[in-house]
Amino acid sequence: MKKILFLHGFFASGQYVPAVTLKEAFEGEADVTTPDLINLKNYIMRKVLFCLMALLGVLTLSAQRIYDFKVKNDAGQEVSLSDYKGKVLLIVNTATRCGFTPQYKDLEPLYQKYHAQGFEILDFPCNQFGQQAPGTIQQIHSFCTANFDIHFPQFDKIDVNGEHAHPLYTWLKEQTGGGDIKWNFTKFLIGRDGKVIKRYESRDQVSTIEADMQMEVNPVLSNIMARRSIRKYLDKPVEHEKLETIALAGINAPSAMNRQNWAVRIIEDPQLMADVKGQTRNAPNLICVCTPANGRFDLDAGLMGQNMMLAAQALGLGTCIQTGPVRFLTNDEKAKAFRDSLDIPADYKLLYVISIGYPDEQPDAKPRDASKVKYLSNK
């Protein structure tokens, strides 16, 4: 049996057209020489063409990057946002006569605090909300400079909603769900890779934005968030130069004791690692930290390991500090060759190990539930 889609009546040229199958109309099985049916066929073709063009527009918009857009600065000169490639951006639509205008007092200190680390605020005045950004861009800039002493760049006035919305804002909205800008001082945080991290509404606190921003501005935190080591060291060891940097960070860890009661062994030999990989998260390299057996200097060694972990994260290396494998490495016969190679002083013990460059992560794992974190204070 053929599957036929029926069009149950259609008004064309002011007349009602009886039901006719689309299959018959388009494959020549029906008489489409009458004006009404010709209009019907043309109408449907126009609708199909319109939908295809709309879909193409959406796909094109999705394929764009923030660096593809150009804007005008406060002098009317065209500026490419590719000039800001590799920086962390906070894009905000502003107004000078809005209840949120005092947010400039928070934005300028934020800019001063992180500008040297590659942070920029891009200010786009917009007069669409209650006509609260009147005047020329020069007048707006003079007002902001005189009242808030801002130093971040301001750009020419734009629309952020409607048919005249700037393409940049059309793209920003599309990246965050497509909803219109609700009011002045809506903000978008952009990562160093040019991707939109988050959208903030007018009432969102700058302190919340700063917490998210630090994950991008701070190189250690950004590497932690990016988890850049995933699958990088499946079949190769970590580069020797990086291991040296990690060791140097450990050596320079703060210490209140100023003593040398520790021994560190960094394993680069693939054969030795092959003997213990199952116990060390399949890491290509291992750092073994040893201390006197009496346990008096375990805290000092802990500070050392903390510095080495931070250095590894700053280098984009996955790390995992472990105490579980210590018993196996210390006592199991299968680990004897590994244990002997460490050449640990007789009165020392293996305290913990750090798996470096470990690939035993789950790329598809969901982020941990933030609601399980509670802050206890007297506020």
Protein backbone atom coordinates (compact mmCIF):
# COMPACT_ATOMS: atom_id res chain seq x y z
CA MET A 1 0.00 0.00 0.00
CA LYS A 2 1.35 3.43 -0.93
CA LYS A 3 1.84 5.99 1.80
CA ILE A 4 0.08 9.17 0.69
CA LEU A 5 0.14 12.50 2.48
CA PHE A 6 -3.17 14.29 1.99
CA LEU A 7 -3.68 18.03 1.97
CA HIS A 8 -7.21 18.44 3.26
CA GLY A 9 -8.36 21.49 1.39
CA PHE A 10 -6.56 24.76 0.62
CA PHE A 11 -7.61 28.33 -0.04
CA ALA A 12 -6.00 29.76 -3.18
CA SER A 13 -7.10 32.81 -5.16
CA GLY A 14 -9.90 33.19 -2.64
CA GLN A 15 -11.38 29.82 -3.56
CA TYR A 16 -11.41 26.57 -1.60
CA VAL A 17 -9.47 23.82 -3.40
CA PRO A 18 -10.62 20.25 -2.76
CA ALA A 19 -8.21 17.81 -1.16
CA VAL A 20 -5.52 16.54 -3.48
CA THR A 21 -2.57 14.38 -2.64
CA LEU A 22 0.86 15.99 -2.68
CA LYS A 23 2.17 12.92 -4.46
CA GLU A 24 -0.34 13.34 -7.29
CA ALA A 25 0.20 17.08 -7.53
CA PHE A 26 3.99 16.88 -7.69
CA GLU A 27 4.40 13.69 -9.72
CA GLY A 28 1.94 14.61 -12.44
CA GLU A 29 -0.87 12.26 -11.44
CA ALA A 30 -3.24 15.17 -10.84
CA ASP A 31 -4.21 18.05 -13.04
CA VAL A 32 -2.13 21.00 -11.88
CA THR A 33 -2.95 23.24 -14.80
CA THR A 34 -5.74 25.02 -12.96
CA PRO A 35 -4.73 28.36 -11.43
CA ASP A 36 -5.63 27.25 -7.92
CA LEU A 37 -3.46 24.15 -8.02
CA ILE A 38 -0.61 26.04 -9.65
CA ASN A 39 -0.82 28.56 -6.79
CA LEU A 40 -0.89 25.68 -4.29
CA LYS A 41 2.22 24.10 -5.77
CA ASN A 42 4.08 27.43 -5.90
CA TYR A 43 3.06 28.19 -2.31
CA ILE A 44 4.43 24.92 -1.05
CA MET A 45 7.65 25.35 -3.00
CA ARG A 46 8.14 28.82 -1.51
CA LYS A 47 7.60 27.45 2.01
CA VAL A 48 10.13 24.68 1.44
CA LEU A 49 12.67 27.17 0.07
CA PHE A 50 12.12 29.50 3.02
CA CYS A 51 12.68 26.68 5.53
CA LEU A 52 15.87 25.60 3.75
CA MET A 53 17.21 29.17 3.80
CA ALA A 54 16.37 29.52 7.50
CA LEU A 55 18.14 26.25 8.28
CA LEU A 56 21.17 27.37 6.28
CA GLY A 57 21.23 30.63 8.26
CA VAL A 58 21.19 28.78 11.57
CA LEU A 59 23.95 26.41 10.46
CA THR A 60 26.06 29.33 9.22
CA LEU A 61 25.57 31.19 12.50
CA SER A 62 26.54 28.13 14.50
CA ALA A 63 29.69 27.68 12.43
CA GLN A 64 30.89 31.24 13.09
CA ARG A 65 33.41 32.09 15.76
CA ILE A 66 33.59 35.24 17.83
CA TYR A 67 36.78 36.17 16.00
CA ASP A 68 34.85 36.38 12.72
CA PHE A 69 32.96 39.50 13.82
CA LYS A 70 33.87 43.15 13.36
CA VAL A 71 32.66 46.04 15.48
CA LYS A 72 33.17 49.81 15.56
CA ASN A 73 35.14 51.42 18.37
CA ASP A 74 34.28 54.73 20.04
CA ALA A 75 36.04 56.56 17.20
CA GLY A 76 33.90 54.90 14.54
CA GLN A 77 36.76 52.73 13.29
CA GLU A 78 36.17 49.10 12.40
CA VAL A 79 37.85 46.63 14.76
CA SER A 80 38.13 42.88 14.28
CA LEU A 81 37.51 40.79 17.36
CA SER A 82 40.35 38.59 16.16
CA ASP A 83 42.51 41.25 17.84
CA TYR A 84 41.37 39.66 21.12
CA LYS A 85 42.22 36.09 20.20
CA GLY A 86 43.61 34.12 23.12
CA LYS A 87 42.16 36.48 25.73
CA VAL A 88 39.37 35.98 28.26
CA LEU A 89 36.52 38.36 27.40
CA LEU A 90 33.54 39.73 29.29
CA ILE A 91 31.09 41.29 26.82
CA VAL A 92 28.44 43.56 28.32
CA ASN A 93 25.68 45.81 26.95
CA THR A 94 25.61 48.96 29.05
CA ALA A 95 23.61 52.13 29.69
CA THR A 96 24.42 55.35 31.56
CA ARG A 97 20.99 56.07 33.06
CA CYS A 98 20.09 52.61 34.33
CA GLY A 99 19.68 51.30 37.85
CA PHE A 100 22.51 48.89 37.05
CA THR A 101 24.89 51.64 35.86
CA PRO A 102 26.75 51.54 39.23
CA GLN A 103 28.00 48.10 38.17
CA TYR A 104 30.78 50.05 36.47
CA LYS A 105 32.21 50.40 40.00
CA ASP A 106 32.62 46.62 40.11
CA LEU A 107 33.66 46.09 36.51
CA GLU A 108 36.60 48.51 36.54
CA PRO A 109 38.34 46.88 39.57
CA LEU A 110 37.76 43.48 37.95
CA TYR A 111 39.44 44.76 34.79
CA GLN A 112 42.39 46.22 36.70
CA LYS A 113 42.84 43.04 38.72
CA TYR A 114 43.02 40.62 35.78
CA HIS A 115 43.95 42.70 32.73
CA ALA A 116 47.63 41.78 32.98
CA GLN A 117 46.61 38.10 32.86
CA GLY A 118 44.88 38.49 29.51
CA PHE A 119 41.41 39.65 30.55
CA GLU A 120 39.38 42.22 28.61
CA ILE A 121 35.96 43.82 29.12
CA LEU A 122 34.23 44.84 25.89
CA ASP A 123 31.59 47.50 26.58
CA PHE A 124 28.74 47.96 24.06
CA PRO A 125 26.33 50.80 24.98
CA CYS A 126 22.76 50.05 23.93
CA ASN A 127 19.76 52.40 23.95
CA GLN A 128 17.10 49.73 23.44
CA PHE A 129 16.02 49.40 27.08
CA GLY A 130 14.07 52.42 28.30
CA GLN A 131 16.20 54.80 26.21
CA GLN A 132 18.74 54.67 29.04
CA ALA A 133 21.85 55.18 26.90
CA PRO A 134 21.16 58.52 25.22
CA GLY A 135 23.75 60.69 23.51
CA THR A 136 26.71 59.92 21.28
CA ILE A 137 29.32 57.34 22.06
CA GLN A 138 31.73 60.20 22.82
CA GLN A 139 29.32 61.62 25.39
CA ILE A 140 28.81 58.17 26.91
CA HIS A 141 32.56 57.60 27.12
CA SER A 142 33.11 61.00 28.77
CA PHE A 143 30.41 60.19 31.34
CA CYS A 144 31.91 56.78 32.18
CA THR A 145 35.42 58.16 32.41
CA ALA A 146 34.41 61.07 34.62
CA ASN A 147 32.18 59.07 36.96
CA PHE A 148 33.78 55.62 37.05
CA ASP A 149 37.30 56.16 35.68
CA ILE A 150 36.97 53.18 33.34
CA HIS A 151 39.94 52.01 31.27
CA PHE A 152 38.47 49.09 29.35
CA PRO A 153 37.43 49.66 25.71
CA GLN A 154 34.00 51.02 24.82
CA PHE A 155 32.54 50.45 21.40
CA ASP A 156 29.96 52.27 19.32
CA LYS A 157 26.29 52.01 20.31
CA ILE A 158 24.50 48.95 18.94
CA ASP A 159 21.19 47.12 19.05
CA VAL A 160 21.25 43.76 20.77
CA ASN A 161 17.70 42.60 19.90
CA GLY A 162 15.41 42.82 16.89
CA GLU A 163 16.00 42.99 13.18
CA HIS A 164 18.83 45.52 13.57
CA ALA A 165 20.66 43.54 16.26
CA HIS A 166 24.41 43.44 15.72
CA PRO A 167 25.52 40.05 14.29
CA LEU A 168 27.83 39.61 17.30
CA TYR A 169 24.86 39.63 19.66
CA THR A 170 22.81 37.41 17.40
CA TRP A 171 25.66 34.90 17.65
CA LEU A 172 26.10 35.32 21.41
CA LYS A 173 22.41 34.67 22.01
CA GLU A 174 22.42 31.67 19.69
CA GLN A 175 25.34 30.18 21.63
CA THR A 176 23.42 30.41 24.91
CA GLY A 177 19.97 29.19 23.93
CA GLY A 178 18.69 31.95 21.66
CA GLY A 179 16.80 34.07 24.20
CA ASP A 180 16.65 37.85 23.75
CA ILE A 181 18.68 40.16 25.95
CA LYS A 182 16.36 41.13 28.82
CA TRP A 183 17.97 44.36 30.01
CA ASN A 184 21.12 46.44 30.33
CA PHE A 185 24.26 44.88 31.78
CA THR A 186 23.68 41.37 30.52
CA LYS A 187 27.11 39.75 30.27
CA PHE A 188 28.79 36.96 28.32
CA LEU A 189 32.02 35.31 29.47
CA ILE A 190 34.24 34.10 26.61
CA GLY A 191 37.14 31.68 27.12
CA ARG A 192 40.59 31.90 25.60
CA ASP A 193 39.45 29.48 22.90
CA GLY A 194 36.73 31.88 21.76
CA LYS A 195 33.83 29.80 23.08
CA VAL A 196 31.02 31.23 25.19
CA ILE A 197 31.35 29.91 28.74
CA LYS A 198 28.31 31.45 30.35
CA ARG A 199 25.66 34.15 30.13
CA TYR A 200 24.88 36.34 33.14
CA GLU A 201 21.74 38.39 33.65
CA SER A 202 21.75 41.96 34.95
CA ARG A 203 21.28 41.02 38.60
CA ASP A 204 24.03 38.40 38.71
CA GLN A 205 26.82 39.40 41.09
CA VAL A 206 30.22 40.30 39.71
CA SER A 207 31.73 38.05 42.39
CA THR A 208 30.01 35.09 40.72
CA ILE A 209 31.46 36.11 37.38
CA GLU A 210 34.92 36.45 38.93
CA ALA A 211 34.80 32.91 40.31
CA ASP A 212 34.02 31.54 36.85
CA MET A 213 36.51 33.86 35.22
CA GLN A 214 39.41 32.73 37.39
CA MET A 215 39.02 29.25 35.93
CA GLU A 216 40.04 30.79 32.59
CA VAL A 217 42.46 33.53 33.61
CA ASN A 218 44.54 31.47 36.03
CA PRO A 219 46.67 29.03 33.99
CA VAL A 220 46.61 26.32 36.66
CA LEU A 221 42.86 26.50 37.12
CA SER A 222 42.19 26.69 33.39
CA ASN A 223 44.26 23.56 32.81
CA ILE A 224 42.36 21.79 35.57
CA MET A 225 39.04 22.79 34.03
CA ALA A 226 40.10 21.87 30.52
CA ARG A 227 41.48 18.46 31.59
CA ARG A 228 43.86 18.78 28.66
CA SER A 229 45.80 15.62 29.39
CA ILE A 230 42.96 13.29 28.45
CA ARG A 231 44.24 10.62 26.06
CA LYS A 232 47.48 12.52 25.34
CA TYR A 233 49.82 9.99 26.93
CA LEU A 234 48.25 6.69 26.03
CA ASP A 235 51.31 5.46 24.17
CA LYS A 236 54.12 7.83 25.13
CA PRO A 237 55.82 9.04 28.33
CA VAL A 238 55.70 12.58 29.63
CA GLU A 239 58.49 14.72 28.23
CA HIS A 240 61.65 14.77 30.38
CA GLU A 241 61.72 18.58 30.48
CA LYS A 242 58.26 18.65 32.05
CA LEU A 243 59.28 16.10 34.66
CA GLU A 244 62.28 18.27 35.55
CA THR A 245 60.00 21.29 35.98
CA ILE A 246 57.71 19.29 38.28
CA ALA A 247 60.68 18.16 40.38
CA LEU A 248 61.95 21.73 40.65
CA ALA A 249 58.53 22.85 41.88
CA GLY A 250 58.66 20.18 44.58
CA ILE A 251 62.17 21.15 45.66
CA ASN A 252 61.04 24.78 46.04
CA ALA A 253 58.02 23.92 48.17
CA PRO A 254 57.76 25.94 51.42
CA SER A 255 59.13 24.21 54.52
CA ALA A 256 59.20 25.28 58.15
CA MET A 257 61.76 22.62 59.03
CA ASN A 258 64.47 23.48 56.52
CA ARG A 259 65.72 19.90 56.48
CA GLN A 260 66.39 17.45 53.67
CA ASN A 261 64.54 14.45 55.11
CA TRP A 262 63.06 13.22 51.89
CA ALA A 263 63.94 11.30 48.76
CA VAL A 264 62.15 11.52 45.41
CA ARG A 265 62.36 9.02 42.56
CA ILE A 266 60.91 9.87 39.14
CA ILE A 267 60.28 6.80 36.99
CA GLU A 268 60.86 7.23 33.25
CA ASP A 269 61.83 3.65 32.34
CA PRO A 270 58.90 2.15 30.34
CA GLN A 271 59.82 -1.38 31.47
CA LEU A 272 59.64 -0.47 35.15
CA MET A 273 56.32 1.27 34.58
CA ALA A 274 54.96 -1.77 32.74
CA ASP A 275 55.43 -3.83 35.92
CA VAL A 276 53.22 -1.54 38.02
CA LYS A 277 50.87 0.23 35.60
CA GLY A 278 47.87 -1.70 36.81
CA GLN A 279 48.38 -0.25 40.29
CA THR A 280 49.13 3.34 39.26
CA ARG A 281 46.15 4.36 37.14
CA ASN A 282 47.91 3.31 33.92
CA ALA A 283 50.17 6.33 34.14
CA PRO A 284 53.20 6.55 31.83
CA ASN A 285 55.32 8.09 34.59
CA LEU A 286 55.44 7.93 38.35
CA ILE A 287 56.89 10.09 41.11
CA CYS A 288 57.69 8.22 44.33
CA VAL A 289 58.10 10.31 47.49
CA CYS A 290 59.96 8.70 50.40
CA THR A 291 60.44 9.89 53.98
CA PRO A 292 62.05 8.55 57.19
CA ALA A 293 60.24 5.48 58.49
CA ASN A 294 59.51 7.16 61.84
CA GLY A 295 56.99 9.45 60.08
CA ARG A 296 58.32 12.71 61.56
CA PHE A 297 58.61 14.47 58.21
CA ASP A 298 55.48 13.29 56.43
CA LEU A 299 53.91 16.78 56.52
CA ASP A 300 56.96 18.33 54.89
CA ALA A 301 56.80 15.74 52.13
CA GLY A 302 53.10 16.49 51.74
CA LEU A 303 53.85 20.13 50.97
CA MET A 304 56.39 18.98 48.43
CA GLY A 305 53.86 16.76 46.70
CA GLN A 306 51.33 19.58 46.67
CA ASN A 307 53.73 21.79 44.72
CA MET A 308 54.51 19.01 42.26
CA MET A 309 50.79 18.43 41.67
CA LEU A 310 50.22 22.14 41.00
CA ALA A 311 53.15 22.27 38.59
CA ALA A 312 51.88 19.23 36.69
CA GLN A 313 48.43 20.79 36.39
CA ALA A 314 49.97 24.06 35.17
CA LEU A 315 51.70 22.06 32.45
CA GLY A 316 48.41 20.51 31.41
CA LEU A 317 49.25 17.07 32.77
CA GLY A 318 46.71 14.81 34.43
CA THR A 319 47.84 13.85 37.93
CA CYS A 320 46.62 11.58 40.70
CA ILE A 321 48.23 11.34 44.13
CA GLN A 322 47.90 7.85 45.58
CA THR A 323 48.64 6.00 48.78
CA GLY A 324 46.80 2.81 47.82
CA PRO A 325 49.59 1.32 45.67
CA VAL A 326 52.20 1.84 48.40
CA ARG A 327 51.52 -1.53 50.06
CA PHE A 328 51.77 -3.34 46.72
CA LEU A 329 54.96 -1.53 45.71
CA THR A 330 56.49 -2.10 49.13
CA ASN A 331 55.62 -5.75 49.75
CA ASP A 332 54.43 -7.57 46.64
CA GLU A 333 56.92 -9.88 44.94
CA LYS A 334 55.75 -8.73 41.52
CA ALA A 335 57.01 -5.23 42.31
CA LYS A 336 60.47 -6.37 43.51
CA ALA A 337 62.35 -5.19 40.41
CA PHE A 338 60.56 -1.87 40.61
CA ARG A 339 61.22 -1.57 44.34
CA ASP A 340 64.91 -2.41 44.02
CA SER A 341 65.35 0.19 41.28
CA LEU A 342 64.17 2.97 43.59
CA ASP A 343 67.27 2.59 45.79
CA ILE A 344 65.41 3.91 48.84
CA PRO A 345 67.61 4.58 51.92
CA ALA A 346 67.40 1.77 54.45
CA ASP A 347 65.59 3.76 57.14
CA TYR A 348 63.13 5.34 54.70
CA LYS A 349 59.64 4.31 53.58
CA LEU A 350 57.62 4.94 50.44
CA LEU A 351 55.02 7.50 51.58
CA TYR A 352 52.98 8.12 48.43
CA VAL A 353 53.18 8.14 44.65
CA ILE A 354 51.99 10.66 42.06
CA SER A 355 50.78 9.29 38.74
CA ILE A 356 51.85 11.80 36.08
CA GLY A 357 50.15 12.15 32.69
CA TYR A 358 47.69 9.44 33.61
CA PRO A 359 45.14 8.74 30.87
CA ASP A 360 42.75 6.71 33.01
CA GLU A 361 40.04 9.36 32.87
CA GLN A 362 36.52 9.19 31.49
CA PRO A 363 36.09 11.89 28.81
CA ASP A 364 32.30 11.50 28.92
CA ALA A 365 32.00 11.67 32.71
CA LYS A 366 29.52 14.25 33.96
CA PRO A 367 30.79 17.10 36.17
CA ARG A 368 30.37 16.54 39.88
CA ASP A 369 27.16 17.87 41.40
CA ALA A 370 27.86 21.42 42.64
CA SER A 371 24.83 21.30 44.94
CA LYS A 372 26.74 18.92 47.21
CA VAL A 373 29.18 21.70 48.15
CA LYS A 374 28.13 23.73 51.20
CA TYR A 375 29.82 26.82 52.62
CA LEU A 376 29.64 27.15 56.38
CA SER A 377 30.00 30.72 57.64
CA ASN A 378 28.54 33.09 60.22
CA LYS A 379 27.11 35.42 57.59
